[in-house]
Amino acid sequence: MNCRHCNATLTLPLIDLGFAPPSNAYLSTQQLQQPEKKYPLRVLVCQTCWLAQTEDFAQAHELFDADYAYFSSFSSTWLEHAKLYAAEMSARFHLSSSSHVVEIAANDGYLLQYFKAANIPCTGVEPTASTASAARAKGIDIVQEFFGVALANTLIAQGKQADLTAANNVLAHVPDINDFVAGFTVLLKPNGVATFEFPHLMQLMALNQFDTIYHEHFSYLSLIAVQRIFAANGLTVFDVEEHPTHGGSLRVFAQRTDTGKQPISDRVAKMLRAEDAIGIQTEKYYLAFQVRAEKVKDDFVNFLADAKRQGKTVAAYGAAAKGNTLMNFAELGSDLIQYVVDKNPAKQGKFMPGSRIPIVSPEALHSQRPDYLVILPWNIADEVTQQNAALTKLGTQFVTAVPKLEIA
């Protein structure tokens, strides 16, 4: 395989998580009688541009289909993050009713609703029918297509050139990363600003977040790699911020190289130095990750097996993609985890891909109270624990498996 960005031959392995179905391909009762499509889940690292990336097996149209079930608005923590972003960007870049904001991967309108409420014109680009429909229900203008240079030109022809573009948790999701990034260069007004948020490779490695690897994530990103990709496609990084979201993310600010006038923040060079110092551009940095992931898997399976031997019941919270990666890597099923609860009605009544564990509403935690509740989306563990504090008083213990097994 060749690198998605620079086309160099890939030989450095990061991790092999075996075979798994797409993480958001939740199963209906009828589909339980049918075989599932599973793909190898392996990540390689380019030693030319240092972009970490999954091998090419699954196609984007198979991963982001009409039944795509990830809705951003079900996390109150993420909604608060989005609301703060809208306020900060509006103030910093002087957005007004004469501005235009475009969000790529607008999902269910979780972010653009705040720009709309502030009377700032906005457009969302969202290829999945399920979430696009939810965004339209909020009164948001949605273009239901995949983004790239061609769509950027179409939007400009429609008078939708952007003062600000937002791309939260989508840069990792695109197979043709060069066409995707080049689309922002086309779409931005001469002095427009693009922001991108994505889980930081440095945090993924430091905190053993292997479960954030799944087929929908084609890339695993450092600022070193992103700066190179942007520069090759007409964008200059002028600022970067660290955020705690999704286990540790970067928010990167970029502008058109040919016309942008934003000053370059010292934080860009500081982050590049930090990444280089930790070894992101060395082979050694990536070599122990497989062993660390396998220890998490083994510890988790042993815990579940012990609980079963003791007659304890175990349920999980959050039918999240990262949970599917963990459960398929560990080859788990409903014999060890009885059910998964999720607030999203689109997932309730379905089954986890691969493990085929049933997904039910959170009310099940009270009618079928478990002895242990495994929080699969560990990035919102505090939120989940607070929402379910009553269970603690009844004897339920909360469990997280990543970055290491913890029982509280």
Protein backbone atom coordinates (compact mmCIF):
# COMPACT_ATOMS: atom_id res chain seq x y z
CA MET A 1 0.00 0.00 0.00
CA ASN A 2 1.10 3.57 -0.69
CA CYS A 3 0.59 6.60 1.55
CA ARG A 4 -2.69 8.45 1.06
CA HIS A 5 -0.89 11.78 1.09
CA CYS A 6 2.60 11.45 -0.38
CA ASN A 7 2.30 8.07 -2.17
CA ALA A 8 5.40 6.61 -0.47
CA THR A 9 5.41 2.84 0.11
CA LEU A 10 4.20 1.91 3.60
CA THR A 11 6.18 -0.67 5.57
CA LEU A 12 6.10 0.45 9.24
CA PRO A 13 3.27 -1.25 11.20
CA LEU A 14 1.55 0.49 14.11
CA ILE A 15 -1.08 -2.07 15.13
CA ASP A 16 -3.10 -5.06 13.93
CA LEU A 17 -6.53 -5.36 15.58
CA GLY A 18 -7.63 -8.41 13.63
CA PHE A 19 -10.86 -8.48 11.65
CA ALA A 20 -13.90 -6.32 12.45
CA PRO A 21 -17.06 -5.02 10.79
CA PRO A 22 -17.50 -1.26 10.33
CA SER A 23 -17.95 0.18 13.82
CA ASN A 24 -21.22 1.95 13.10
CA ALA A 25 -22.84 -0.94 11.17
CA TYR A 26 -25.38 -1.77 13.87
CA LEU A 27 -27.46 -4.85 13.19
CA SER A 28 -31.23 -5.27 13.07
CA THR A 29 -32.92 -8.44 14.32
CA GLN A 30 -33.31 -9.60 10.72
CA GLN A 31 -29.59 -9.07 10.03
CA LEU A 32 -28.65 -11.42 12.85
CA GLN A 33 -29.55 -14.25 10.49
CA GLN A 34 -27.09 -13.00 7.88
CA PRO A 35 -23.28 -13.02 7.71
CA GLU A 36 -21.46 -9.79 8.51
CA LYS A 37 -18.87 -8.17 6.30
CA LYS A 38 -15.59 -7.91 8.21
CA TYR A 39 -12.36 -6.24 7.16
CA PRO A 40 -8.79 -6.37 8.45
CA LEU A 41 -8.15 -3.50 10.86
CA ARG A 42 -4.49 -2.62 10.52
CA VAL A 43 -2.63 0.69 10.72
CA LEU A 44 0.63 1.56 8.99
CA VAL A 45 2.82 4.66 9.34
CA CYS A 46 4.39 6.55 6.44
CA GLN A 47 8.07 7.17 7.13
CA THR A 48 8.16 10.03 4.61
CA CYS A 49 5.34 12.31 5.83
CA TRP A 50 4.54 10.41 9.09
CA LEU A 51 0.84 10.02 8.42
CA ALA A 52 -0.55 7.00 10.29
CA GLN A 53 -3.33 5.35 8.29
CA THR A 54 -5.50 2.26 8.01
CA GLU A 55 -4.90 -0.13 5.16
CA ASP A 56 -7.36 0.21 2.28
CA PHE A 57 -10.08 -2.40 2.65
CA ALA A 58 -13.41 -0.65 3.44
CA GLN A 59 -14.82 2.06 1.19
CA ALA A 60 -16.28 5.35 2.44
CA HIS A 61 -19.76 4.73 0.97
CA GLU A 62 -19.95 1.48 2.96
CA LEU A 63 -18.99 3.20 6.20
CA PHE A 64 -21.11 6.35 5.96
CA ASP A 65 -24.42 5.08 4.61
CA ALA A 66 -28.04 6.20 4.94
CA ASP A 67 -28.40 4.45 8.31
CA TYR A 68 -25.31 6.00 9.89
CA ALA A 69 -26.18 6.10 13.59
CA TYR A 70 -23.68 8.48 15.17
CA PHE A 71 -25.53 11.61 16.34
CA SER A 72 -23.34 14.25 18.00
CA SER A 73 -26.11 15.88 20.04
CA PHE A 74 -26.49 12.97 22.47
CA SER A 75 -23.43 14.13 24.44
CA SER A 76 -24.07 17.16 26.64
CA THR A 77 -20.31 17.62 27.03
CA TRP A 78 -19.86 17.83 23.25
CA LEU A 79 -22.77 20.25 22.89
CA GLU A 80 -21.19 22.57 25.44
CA HIS A 81 -17.90 22.34 23.54
CA ALA A 82 -19.70 23.28 20.30
CA LYS A 83 -21.53 26.19 21.90
CA LEU A 84 -18.28 27.60 23.27
CA TYR A 85 -16.58 27.18 19.89
CA ALA A 86 -19.31 29.18 18.14
CA ALA A 87 -19.00 32.01 20.64
CA GLU A 88 -15.19 32.08 20.53
CA MET A 89 -14.91 31.96 16.74
CA SER A 90 -17.58 34.64 16.32
CA ALA A 91 -15.69 36.97 18.64
CA ARG A 92 -12.16 36.20 17.39
CA PHE A 93 -12.96 36.50 13.68
CA HIS A 94 -15.68 39.15 13.94
CA LEU A 95 -18.46 37.08 12.41
CA SER A 96 -21.79 38.77 11.79
CA SER A 97 -24.98 38.55 9.76
CA SER A 98 -22.89 39.38 6.68
CA SER A 99 -20.55 36.41 7.24
CA HIS A 100 -20.96 32.83 6.11
CA VAL A 101 -19.97 29.73 8.09
CA VAL A 102 -19.69 26.31 6.46
CA GLU A 103 -19.29 23.17 8.53
CA ILE A 104 -18.02 20.03 6.83
CA ALA A 105 -19.51 16.92 8.47
CA ALA A 106 -22.29 18.91 10.11
CA ASN A 107 -23.84 15.74 11.51
CA ASP A 108 -27.17 16.51 13.22
CA GLY A 109 -26.65 20.27 13.45
CA TYR A 110 -25.05 20.08 16.91
CA LEU A 111 -22.72 23.05 16.05
CA LEU A 112 -24.41 25.14 13.38
CA GLN A 113 -27.50 25.56 15.55
CA TYR A 114 -25.47 28.01 17.65
CA PHE A 115 -24.38 30.10 14.65
CA LYS A 116 -27.97 30.08 13.41
CA ALA A 117 -29.19 31.27 16.81
CA ALA A 118 -26.71 34.15 16.58
CA ASN A 119 -28.09 35.11 13.13
CA ILE A 120 -24.85 34.18 11.37
CA PRO A 121 -25.67 32.56 7.99
CA CYS A 122 -24.43 28.99 7.79
CA THR A 123 -24.42 25.89 5.60
CA GLY A 124 -23.71 22.32 6.58
CA VAL A 125 -22.19 19.62 4.40
CA GLU A 126 -23.24 16.15 5.60
CA PRO A 127 -23.30 13.03 3.41
CA THR A 128 -25.25 10.71 5.74
CA ALA A 129 -29.02 10.87 5.28
CA SER A 130 -29.92 10.08 8.89
CA THR A 131 -27.95 12.92 10.46
CA ALA A 132 -28.62 15.35 7.59
CA SER A 133 -32.34 14.91 8.19
CA ALA A 134 -31.90 15.69 11.90
CA ALA A 135 -29.97 18.87 11.03
CA ARG A 136 -32.64 20.01 8.59
CA ALA A 137 -35.22 19.54 11.35
CA LYS A 138 -33.30 22.25 13.24
CA GLY A 139 -33.75 24.60 10.27
CA ILE A 140 -30.16 24.26 9.04
CA ASP A 141 -29.32 24.38 5.32
CA ILE A 142 -27.66 21.03 4.52
CA VAL A 143 -25.87 19.89 1.37
CA GLN A 144 -25.98 16.09 1.45
CA GLU A 145 -22.74 15.13 -0.29
CA PHE A 146 -19.13 14.18 0.41
CA PHE A 147 -16.80 17.17 0.45
CA GLY A 148 -13.85 17.84 -1.85
CA VAL A 149 -12.70 20.27 -4.54
CA ALA A 150 -15.69 19.58 -6.81
CA LEU A 151 -18.25 20.34 -4.11
CA ALA A 152 -16.29 23.41 -3.00
CA ASN A 153 -16.57 24.82 -6.52
CA THR A 154 -20.30 24.05 -6.55
CA LEU A 155 -20.80 25.88 -3.24
CA ILE A 156 -18.92 28.92 -4.55
CA ALA A 157 -21.13 28.95 -7.66
CA GLN A 158 -24.10 29.05 -5.27
CA GLY A 159 -22.68 32.10 -3.47
CA LYS A 160 -21.54 30.13 -0.41
CA GLN A 161 -17.87 31.01 -0.15
CA ALA A 162 -16.85 30.85 3.52
CA ASP A 163 -15.50 33.29 6.08
CA LEU A 164 -15.12 30.37 8.47
CA THR A 165 -15.12 26.64 7.83
CA ALA A 166 -15.35 24.10 10.65
CA ALA A 167 -14.33 20.48 10.35
CA ASN A 168 -14.69 18.68 13.66
CA ASN A 169 -13.68 15.02 13.86
CA VAL A 170 -13.81 14.53 10.10
CA LEU A 171 -10.24 15.02 8.83
CA ALA A 172 -9.46 11.49 10.04
CA HIS A 173 -12.54 10.12 8.25
CA VAL A 174 -11.64 10.92 4.64
CA PRO A 175 -9.92 8.45 2.28
CA ASP A 176 -8.72 11.12 -0.19
CA ILE A 177 -7.18 13.53 2.28
CA ASN A 178 -5.52 15.68 -0.40
CA ASP A 179 -8.74 16.39 -2.30
CA PHE A 180 -10.55 17.03 0.99
CA VAL A 181 -8.02 19.58 2.25
CA ALA A 182 -7.71 21.25 -1.15
CA GLY A 183 -11.46 21.81 -1.04
CA PHE A 184 -11.02 24.20 1.89
CA THR A 185 -8.46 26.23 -0.03
CA VAL A 186 -11.07 26.62 -2.79
CA LEU A 187 -14.00 27.33 -0.48
CA LEU A 188 -12.41 29.96 1.76
CA LYS A 189 -12.69 33.64 1.02
CA PRO A 190 -9.25 35.31 0.58
CA ASN A 191 -9.02 36.10 4.31
CA GLY A 192 -11.18 33.23 5.48
CA VAL A 193 -10.22 30.85 8.28
CA ALA A 194 -10.53 27.07 8.47
CA THR A 195 -10.52 25.15 11.75
CA PHE A 196 -10.04 21.42 12.11
CA GLU A 197 -10.40 19.34 15.26
CA PHE A 198 -9.15 15.79 15.49
CA PRO A 199 -7.87 13.34 18.11
CA HIS A 200 -4.15 13.92 18.56
CA LEU A 201 -1.87 11.02 17.63
CA MET A 202 0.44 11.97 20.50
CA GLN A 203 -2.39 11.44 23.00
CA LEU A 204 -3.52 8.23 21.28
CA MET A 205 -0.04 6.81 21.77
CA ALA A 206 0.58 8.18 25.28
CA LEU A 207 -2.77 7.04 26.67
CA ASN A 208 -2.98 3.73 24.79
CA GLN A 209 -6.17 4.76 22.99
CA PHE A 210 -6.07 1.93 20.45
CA ASP A 211 -9.86 1.64 20.57
CA THR A 212 -10.15 4.94 18.68
CA ILE A 213 -8.83 3.00 15.68
CA TYR A 214 -11.61 1.79 13.40
CA HIS A 215 -12.34 1.65 9.70
CA GLU A 216 -14.18 4.98 9.67
CA HIS A 217 -10.89 6.59 10.77
CA PHE A 218 -8.65 6.43 7.72
CA SER A 219 -5.94 8.62 9.34
CA TYR A 220 -4.38 9.23 12.78
CA LEU A 221 -3.03 12.71 12.90
CA SER A 222 -0.11 14.67 14.31
CA LEU A 223 0.50 18.35 13.67
CA ILE A 224 3.70 17.36 11.85
CA ALA A 225 1.72 15.34 9.30
CA VAL A 226 -1.17 17.81 9.10
CA GLN A 227 1.08 20.80 8.46
CA ARG A 228 2.69 18.96 5.54
CA ILE A 229 -0.65 17.88 4.08
CA PHE A 230 -2.03 21.40 4.38
CA ALA A 231 1.03 23.03 2.83
CA ALA A 232 0.86 20.68 -0.14
CA ASN A 233 -2.77 21.67 -0.70
CA GLY A 234 -2.62 25.45 -0.33
CA LEU A 235 -3.22 25.97 3.40
CA THR A 236 -0.94 27.42 6.09
CA VAL A 237 -1.37 26.52 9.76
CA PHE A 238 -1.34 29.71 11.84
CA ASP A 239 -2.47 28.50 15.28
CA VAL A 240 -3.11 25.34 17.27
CA GLU A 241 -4.88 24.62 20.55
CA GLU A 242 -5.08 21.52 22.72
CA HIS A 243 -8.51 20.38 23.92
CA PRO A 244 -9.52 17.50 26.22
CA THR A 245 -12.28 16.27 23.89
CA HIS A 246 -12.14 12.70 22.56
CA GLY A 247 -9.28 11.81 24.86
CA GLY A 248 -7.09 14.73 23.78
CA SER A 249 -7.58 16.67 20.54
CA LEU A 250 -5.94 19.43 18.55
CA ARG A 251 -7.81 22.37 17.07
CA VAL A 252 -5.79 23.58 14.12
CA PHE A 253 -6.38 26.98 12.53
CA ALA A 254 -5.45 27.41 8.87
CA GLN A 255 -5.66 30.05 6.14
CA ARG A 256 -5.08 30.23 2.42
CA THR A 257 -1.33 30.34 1.76
CA ASP A 258 -1.78 32.79 -1.11
CA THR A 259 -3.98 35.38 0.59
CA GLY A 260 -4.26 34.75 4.34
CA LYS A 261 -3.13 37.51 6.70
CA GLN A 262 -3.40 35.93 10.14
CA PRO A 263 -0.13 36.07 12.13
CA ILE A 264 1.53 32.73 12.88
CA SER A 265 1.21 31.89 16.59
CA ASP A 266 4.22 30.67 18.56
CA ARG A 267 2.04 27.72 19.59
CA VAL A 268 2.52 26.13 16.17
CA ALA A 269 6.31 25.84 16.50
CA LYS A 270 5.97 24.80 20.14
CA MET A 271 3.67 21.89 19.27
CA LEU A 272 5.86 20.81 16.37
CA ARG A 273 8.87 20.74 18.71
CA ALA A 274 6.94 18.72 21.30
CA GLU A 275 5.92 16.13 18.72
CA ASP A 276 9.42 15.89 17.33
CA ALA A 277 10.93 15.56 20.80
CA ILE A 278 8.67 12.65 21.70
CA GLY A 279 9.74 10.80 18.56
CA ILE A 280 6.81 11.05 16.13
CA GLN A 281 9.30 11.06 13.24
CA THR A 282 11.10 7.91 14.42
CA GLU A 283 10.35 4.23 13.87
CA LYS A 284 10.97 3.37 17.54
CA TYR A 285 8.02 5.50 18.69
CA TYR A 286 5.49 3.13 17.10
CA LEU A 287 6.91 -0.31 17.86
CA ALA A 288 5.50 -1.13 21.34
CA PHE A 289 1.89 -0.11 20.71
CA GLN A 290 0.69 -3.60 19.76
CA VAL A 291 1.92 -5.13 23.02
CA ARG A 292 0.26 -2.42 25.10
CA ALA A 293 -3.07 -2.92 23.34
CA GLU A 294 -2.94 -6.67 23.85
CA LYS A 295 -2.37 -6.18 27.59
CA VAL A 296 -5.54 -4.07 27.81
CA LYS A 297 -7.44 -6.76 25.92
CA ASP A 298 -6.16 -9.55 28.15
CA ASP A 299 -6.86 -7.66 31.39
CA PHE A 300 -10.40 -6.84 30.24
CA VAL A 301 -11.22 -10.39 29.14
CA ASN A 302 -9.87 -11.79 32.41
CA PHE A 303 -12.02 -9.34 34.40
CA LEU A 304 -15.15 -10.33 32.47
CA ALA A 305 -14.40 -14.04 32.85
CA ASP A 306 -13.89 -13.63 36.61
CA ALA A 307 -17.15 -11.71 36.93
CA LYS A 308 -18.98 -14.49 35.12
CA ARG A 309 -17.46 -17.17 37.36
CA GLN A 310 -18.60 -15.19 40.39
CA GLY A 311 -22.15 -14.93 39.04
CA LYS A 312 -21.89 -11.16 38.56
CA THR A 313 -23.78 -9.37 35.80
CA VAL A 314 -22.01 -6.97 33.45
CA ALA A 315 -23.58 -4.37 31.16
CA ALA A 316 -21.97 -1.63 29.10
CA TYR A 317 -22.80 2.02 28.55
CA GLY A 318 -22.54 3.65 25.13
CA ALA A 319 -22.81 1.79 21.83
CA ALA A 320 -19.80 3.75 20.67
CA ALA A 321 -17.44 2.99 17.80
CA LYS A 322 -14.50 2.77 20.20
CA GLY A 323 -16.40 0.17 22.20
CA ASN A 324 -16.95 -1.88 19.08
CA THR A 325 -13.22 -1.83 18.35
CA LEU A 326 -12.44 -3.08 21.85
CA MET A 327 -15.10 -5.81 21.85
CA ASN A 328 -14.22 -7.13 18.41
CA PHE A 329 -10.49 -7.10 19.21
CA ALA A 330 -11.27 -9.06 22.39
CA GLU A 331 -13.79 -11.29 20.54
CA LEU A 332 -16.51 -10.66 23.14
CA GLY A 333 -20.20 -11.57 23.03
CA SER A 334 -23.34 -11.45 25.14
CA ASP A 335 -22.09 -14.33 27.31
CA LEU A 336 -19.78 -11.83 29.05
CA ILE A 337 -21.59 -8.51 28.54
CA GLN A 338 -25.36 -8.91 28.72
CA TYR A 339 -26.44 -5.68 27.05
CA VAL A 340 -25.31 -2.18 26.06
CA VAL A 341 -27.38 0.89 26.88
CA ASP A 342 -27.43 3.96 24.66
CA LYS A 343 -29.42 7.20 24.72
CA ASN A 344 -29.72 7.28 20.92
CA PRO A 345 -33.09 5.82 19.79
CA ALA A 346 -31.55 5.03 16.38
CA LYS A 347 -29.35 2.41 18.08
CA GLN A 348 -31.87 0.98 20.54
CA GLY A 349 -33.33 -2.35 19.49
CA LYS A 350 -30.30 -3.11 17.37
CA PHE A 351 -27.17 -5.15 18.06
CA MET A 352 -23.49 -4.26 18.27
CA PRO A 353 -21.62 -5.18 15.07
CA GLY A 354 -19.46 -8.24 15.44
CA SER A 355 -20.19 -8.98 19.10
CA ARG A 356 -23.98 -8.91 18.48
CA ILE A 357 -24.70 -7.69 22.00
CA PRO A 358 -28.21 -6.14 22.23
CA ILE A 359 -28.55 -2.36 22.55
CA VAL A 360 -31.29 -1.09 24.87
CA SER A 361 -32.41 2.19 26.40
CA PRO A 362 -30.82 3.46 29.64
CA GLU A 363 -33.98 2.52 31.58
CA ALA A 364 -32.70 -1.08 31.51
CA LEU A 365 -30.06 -0.12 34.06
CA HIS A 366 -32.77 0.19 36.66
CA SER A 367 -34.98 -2.75 35.69
CA GLN A 368 -31.96 -5.03 35.15
CA ARG A 369 -29.35 -3.37 37.35
CA PRO A 370 -25.88 -4.80 36.63
CA ASP A 371 -23.17 -5.47 39.17
CA TYR A 372 -20.68 -3.81 36.82
CA LEU A 373 -21.24 -1.13 34.19
CA VAL A 374 -18.46 -0.84 31.59
CA ILE A 375 -18.23 2.69 30.18
CA LEU A 376 -17.14 2.14 26.57
CA PRO A 377 -16.84 5.86 25.57
CA TRP A 378 -14.25 6.51 28.30
CA ASN A 379 -13.83 10.09 27.04
CA ILE A 380 -17.19 10.96 28.65
CA ALA A 381 -16.78 8.70 31.70
CA ASP A 382 -17.33 11.58 34.16
CA GLU A 383 -20.54 12.57 32.38
CA VAL A 384 -21.82 8.98 32.42
CA THR A 385 -20.91 8.44 36.07
CA GLN A 386 -22.68 11.62 37.14
CA GLN A 387 -25.80 10.77 35.13
CA ASN A 388 -25.96 7.33 36.75
CA ALA A 389 -24.88 8.20 40.29
CA ALA A 390 -27.98 6.46 41.72
CA LEU A 391 -26.60 3.12 40.55
CA THR A 392 -23.55 3.51 42.76
CA LYS A 393 -25.76 3.69 45.84
CA LEU A 394 -27.42 0.44 44.74
CA GLY A 395 -24.09 -1.35 44.45
CA THR A 396 -23.15 -1.05 40.77
CA GLN A 397 -19.46 -0.48 40.09
CA PHE A 398 -18.23 1.49 37.08
CA VAL A 399 -15.51 0.04 34.87
CA THR A 400 -13.27 1.44 32.15
CA ALA A 401 -10.86 -0.73 30.16
CA VAL A 402 -8.80 1.92 28.36
CA PRO A 403 -6.09 3.09 28.87
CA LYS A 404 -6.00 0.47 31.61
CA LEU A 405 -8.56 -1.53 33.57
CA GLU A 406 -10.08 0.56 36.36
CA ILE A 407 -12.99 -0.39 38.64
CA ALA A 408 -14.65 2.27 40.80
